[in-house]
Amino acid sequence: MKDFQFLFNQMSETCFKSCVSSFLSRDMSTEEAQCIQNCSSKHINANHRIMEIFMEVQPAINRRNMEELRRAQSTLEAAQNEQNF
């Protein structure tokens, strides 16, 4: 949840800084509103794509980490067996 809030705040700040240029009116202009819509859509679409890739890659990373842990455990067990003899 914390990461989601950080990402949302970062996106909001980026889009606001790049789209809102005037504080002369209380309301946003049509151009500013459209710019913010486009900017936020791009950020959301990019985030979805990143998450899709992460979901594809994460199982392979988990398998590799488990294999490394098994190897380390085997090495430790072998070292303990040598010490016992």
N, C-alpha and C. Protein backbone atom coordinates (compact mmCIF):
# COMPACT_ATOMS: atom_id res chain seq x y z
N MET A 1 0.83 -1.19 0.00
CA MET A 1 0.00 0.00 0.00
C MET A 1 0.88 1.25 0.00
N LYS A 2 1.95 1.18 0.79
CA LYS A 2 2.88 2.31 0.87
C LYS A 2 3.50 2.60 -0.50
N ASP A 3 3.90 1.54 -1.22
CA ASP A 3 4.48 1.71 -2.55
C ASP A 3 3.46 2.29 -3.53
N PHE A 4 2.22 1.83 -3.43
CA PHE A 4 1.17 2.35 -4.30
C PHE A 4 0.96 3.84 -4.06
N GLN A 5 0.91 4.25 -2.80
CA GLN A 5 0.72 5.67 -2.49
C GLN A 5 1.89 6.51 -2.99
N PHE A 6 3.11 5.98 -2.83
CA PHE A 6 4.29 6.70 -3.32
C PHE A 6 4.20 6.87 -4.83
N LEU A 7 3.86 5.79 -5.54
CA LEU A 7 3.75 5.84 -6.99
C LEU A 7 2.67 6.82 -7.43
N PHE A 8 1.52 6.79 -6.77
CA PHE A 8 0.44 7.71 -7.10
C PHE A 8 0.85 9.16 -6.87
N ASN A 9 1.49 9.43 -5.74
CA ASN A 9 1.93 10.80 -5.45
C ASN A 9 2.98 11.27 -6.44
N GLN A 10 3.88 10.38 -6.81
CA GLN A 10 4.92 10.74 -7.78
C GLN A 10 4.30 11.06 -9.14
N MET A 11 3.34 10.23 -9.57
CA MET A 11 2.66 10.46 -10.83
C MET A 11 1.89 11.78 -10.79
N SER A 12 1.18 12.02 -9.71
CA SER A 12 0.40 13.26 -9.58
C SER A 12 1.30 14.48 -9.66
N GLU A 13 2.41 14.43 -8.96
CA GLU A 13 3.33 15.57 -8.95
C GLU A 13 3.93 15.80 -10.33
N THR A 14 4.35 14.73 -10.99
CA THR A 14 4.94 14.85 -12.32
C THR A 14 3.95 15.44 -13.30
N CYS A 15 2.75 14.91 -13.31
CA CYS A 15 1.73 15.40 -14.25
C CYS A 15 1.33 16.84 -13.93
N PHE A 16 1.20 17.15 -12.64
CA PHE A 16 0.83 18.51 -12.26
C PHE A 16 1.89 19.50 -12.71
N LYS A 17 3.16 19.18 -12.45
CA LYS A 17 4.24 20.09 -12.82
C LYS A 17 4.34 20.30 -14.32
N SER A 18 4.07 19.24 -15.09
CA SER A 18 4.22 19.38 -16.53
C SER A 18 2.97 19.94 -17.21
N CYS A 19 1.82 19.90 -16.55
CA CYS A 19 0.57 20.31 -17.22
C CYS A 19 -0.01 21.63 -16.72
N VAL A 20 0.12 21.90 -15.44
CA VAL A 20 -0.50 23.10 -14.89
C VAL A 20 0.52 24.23 -14.92
N SER A 21 0.18 25.27 -15.67
CA SER A 21 1.14 26.36 -15.85
C SER A 21 0.66 27.69 -15.28
N SER A 22 -0.61 27.80 -14.96
CA SER A 22 -1.13 29.08 -14.52
C SER A 22 -2.02 28.88 -13.29
N PHE A 23 -1.86 29.79 -12.34
CA PHE A 23 -2.69 29.76 -11.14
C PHE A 23 -3.60 30.99 -11.09
N LEU A 24 -3.91 31.55 -12.26
CA LEU A 24 -4.74 32.74 -12.34
C LEU A 24 -6.22 32.43 -12.13
N SER A 25 -6.58 31.19 -12.32
CA SER A 25 -7.98 30.79 -12.18
C SER A 25 -8.08 29.64 -11.20
N ARG A 26 -9.22 29.58 -10.57
CA ARG A 26 -9.46 28.50 -9.60
C ARG A 26 -9.64 27.16 -10.30
N ASP A 27 -10.17 27.18 -11.52
CA ASP A 27 -10.42 25.97 -12.29
C ASP A 27 -9.29 25.73 -13.29
N MET A 28 -9.13 24.45 -13.63
CA MET A 28 -8.15 24.11 -14.66
C MET A 28 -8.73 24.41 -16.03
N SER A 29 -7.85 24.79 -16.95
CA SER A 29 -8.30 25.01 -18.32
C SER A 29 -8.54 23.64 -18.97
N THR A 30 -9.22 23.66 -20.09
CA THR A 30 -9.48 22.42 -20.83
C THR A 30 -8.18 21.77 -21.26
N GLU A 31 -7.21 22.58 -21.68
CA GLU A 31 -5.91 22.06 -22.12
C GLU A 31 -5.18 21.40 -20.95
N GLU A 32 -5.23 22.04 -19.79
CA GLU A 32 -4.57 21.48 -18.60
C GLU A 32 -5.22 20.16 -18.18
N ALA A 33 -6.52 20.13 -18.21
CA ALA A 33 -7.25 18.90 -17.83
C ALA A 33 -6.92 17.77 -18.81
N GLN A 34 -6.88 18.08 -20.10
CA GLN A 34 -6.56 17.06 -21.10
C GLN A 34 -5.11 16.59 -20.94
N CYS A 35 -4.21 17.51 -20.67
CA CYS A 35 -2.81 17.16 -20.45
C CYS A 35 -2.67 16.23 -19.25
N ILE A 36 -3.35 16.54 -18.17
CA ILE A 36 -3.28 15.70 -16.97
C ILE A 36 -3.88 14.32 -17.26
N GLN A 37 -4.96 14.28 -18.00
CA GLN A 37 -5.57 13.00 -18.38
C GLN A 37 -4.60 12.15 -19.19
N ASN A 38 -3.97 12.76 -20.19
CA ASN A 38 -3.00 12.04 -21.03
C ASN A 38 -1.79 11.58 -20.23
N CYS A 39 -1.28 12.47 -19.40
CA CYS A 39 -0.09 12.17 -18.59
C CYS A 39 -0.37 11.02 -17.63
N SER A 40 -1.47 11.09 -16.92
CA SER A 40 -1.78 10.04 -15.95
C SER A 40 -2.07 8.71 -16.66
N SER A 41 -2.69 8.77 -17.82
CA SER A 41 -2.94 7.54 -18.59
C SER A 41 -1.63 6.88 -19.00
N LYS A 42 -0.68 7.69 -19.44
CA LYS A 42 0.62 7.14 -19.83
C LYS A 42 1.31 6.49 -18.64
N HIS A 43 1.28 7.14 -17.49
CA HIS A 43 1.91 6.58 -16.29
C HIS A 43 1.23 5.28 -15.86
N ILE A 44 -0.08 5.27 -15.91
CA ILE A 44 -0.82 4.07 -15.50
C ILE A 44 -0.55 2.92 -16.46
N ASN A 45 -0.56 3.20 -17.76
CA ASN A 45 -0.28 2.15 -18.74
C ASN A 45 1.15 1.62 -18.60
N ALA A 46 2.10 2.51 -18.36
CA ALA A 46 3.48 2.08 -18.16
C ALA A 46 3.60 1.21 -16.91
N ASN A 47 2.92 1.61 -15.84
CA ASN A 47 2.96 0.84 -14.60
C ASN A 47 2.34 -0.55 -14.81
N HIS A 48 1.26 -0.63 -15.55
CA HIS A 48 0.63 -1.93 -15.83
C HIS A 48 1.59 -2.82 -16.61
N ARG A 49 2.27 -2.25 -17.58
CA ARG A 49 3.22 -3.03 -18.39
C ARG A 49 4.38 -3.53 -17.53
N ILE A 50 4.89 -2.68 -16.68
CA ILE A 50 5.97 -3.08 -15.78
C ILE A 50 5.52 -4.21 -14.88
N MET A 51 4.31 -4.12 -14.36
CA MET A 51 3.79 -5.18 -13.49
C MET A 51 3.60 -6.49 -14.26
N GLU A 52 3.19 -6.42 -15.51
CA GLU A 52 3.06 -7.63 -16.32
C GLU A 52 4.40 -8.31 -16.49
N ILE A 53 5.42 -7.52 -16.79
CA ILE A 53 6.76 -8.08 -16.96
C ILE A 53 7.26 -8.65 -15.65
N PHE A 54 7.03 -7.95 -14.56
CA PHE A 54 7.44 -8.42 -13.24
C PHE A 54 6.78 -9.77 -12.94
N MET A 55 5.50 -9.89 -13.26
CA MET A 55 4.78 -11.14 -13.00
C MET A 55 5.35 -12.29 -13.84
N GLU A 56 5.85 -11.99 -15.03
CA GLU A 56 6.46 -13.01 -15.87
C GLU A 56 7.84 -13.43 -15.35
N VAL A 57 8.60 -12.47 -14.87
CA VAL A 57 9.99 -12.71 -14.48
C VAL A 57 10.12 -13.22 -13.04
N GLN A 58 9.23 -12.83 -12.18
CA GLN A 58 9.34 -13.16 -10.75
C GLN A 58 9.43 -14.65 -10.46
N PRO A 59 8.64 -15.53 -11.10
CA PRO A 59 8.79 -16.96 -10.81
C PRO A 59 10.20 -17.49 -11.12
N ALA A 60 10.81 -17.02 -12.19
CA ALA A 60 12.18 -17.45 -12.52
C ALA A 60 13.16 -16.97 -11.46
N ILE A 61 12.98 -15.76 -10.98
CA ILE A 61 13.84 -15.23 -9.93
C ILE A 61 13.68 -16.05 -8.66
N ASN A 62 12.45 -16.38 -8.32
CA ASN A 62 12.20 -17.20 -7.13
C ASN A 62 12.84 -18.57 -7.25
N ARG A 63 12.73 -19.21 -8.42
CA ARG A 63 13.36 -20.52 -8.64
C ARG A 63 14.87 -20.44 -8.47
N ARG A 64 15.47 -19.41 -9.06
CA ARG A 64 16.92 -19.24 -8.95
C ARG A 64 17.34 -19.05 -7.50
N ASN A 65 16.59 -18.24 -6.76
CA ASN A 65 16.91 -18.03 -5.35
C ASN A 65 16.78 -19.31 -4.54
N MET A 66 15.76 -20.11 -4.82
CA MET A 66 15.59 -21.38 -4.12
C MET A 66 16.73 -22.34 -4.43
N GLU A 67 17.16 -22.38 -5.68
CA GLU A 67 18.29 -23.23 -6.05
C GLU A 67 19.57 -22.80 -5.32
N GLU A 68 19.78 -21.51 -5.24
CA GLU A 68 20.96 -21.01 -4.52
C GLU A 68 20.89 -21.36 -3.04
N LEU A 69 19.71 -21.27 -2.45
CA LEU A 69 19.55 -21.65 -1.04
C LEU A 69 19.80 -23.14 -0.84
N ARG A 70 19.30 -23.96 -1.74
CA ARG A 70 19.53 -25.41 -1.65
C ARG A 70 21.02 -25.73 -1.74
N ARG A 71 21.70 -25.08 -2.69
CA ARG A 71 23.15 -25.31 -2.83
C ARG A 71 23.89 -24.88 -1.57
N ALA A 72 23.51 -23.74 -1.03
CA ALA A 72 24.17 -23.26 0.20
C ALA A 72 23.90 -24.22 1.35
N GLN A 73 22.68 -24.71 1.44
CA GLN A 73 22.34 -25.66 2.50
C GLN A 73 23.13 -26.96 2.32
N SER A 74 23.25 -27.44 1.11
CA SER A 74 24.03 -28.66 0.85
C SER A 74 25.49 -28.46 1.22
N THR A 75 26.03 -27.31 0.90
CA THR A 75 27.42 -27.00 1.24
C THR A 75 27.61 -26.98 2.75
N LEU A 76 26.68 -26.37 3.46
CA LEU A 76 26.77 -26.33 4.92
C LEU A 76 26.64 -27.72 5.53
N GLU A 77 25.73 -28.53 5.00
CA GLU A 77 25.57 -29.89 5.50
C GLU A 77 26.83 -30.72 5.25
N ALA A 78 27.43 -30.56 4.08
CA ALA A 78 28.67 -31.29 3.77
C ALA A 78 29.78 -30.86 4.71
N ALA A 79 29.87 -29.57 4.99
CA ALA A 79 30.91 -29.07 5.90
C ALA A 79 30.68 -29.61 7.31
N GLN A 80 29.44 -29.69 7.74
CA GLN A 80 29.13 -30.24 9.08
C GLN A 80 29.47 -31.72 9.14
N ASN A 81 29.18 -32.46 8.08
CA ASN A 81 29.49 -33.89 8.05
C ASN A 81 31.00 -34.12 8.11
N GLU A 82 31.76 -33.29 7.43
CA GLU A 82 33.22 -33.40 7.46
C GLU A 82 33.76 -33.12 8.85
N GLN A 83 33.17 -32.15 9.53
CA GLN A 83 33.63 -31.81 10.89
C GLN A 83 33.30 -32.94 11.86
N ASN A 84 32.20 -33.63 11.65
CA ASN A 84 31.80 -34.71 12.55
C ASN A 84 32.69 -35.95 12.39
N PHE A 85 33.34 -36.10 11.26
CA PHE A 85 34.20 -37.28 11.07
C PHE A 85 35.59 -36.97 11.36
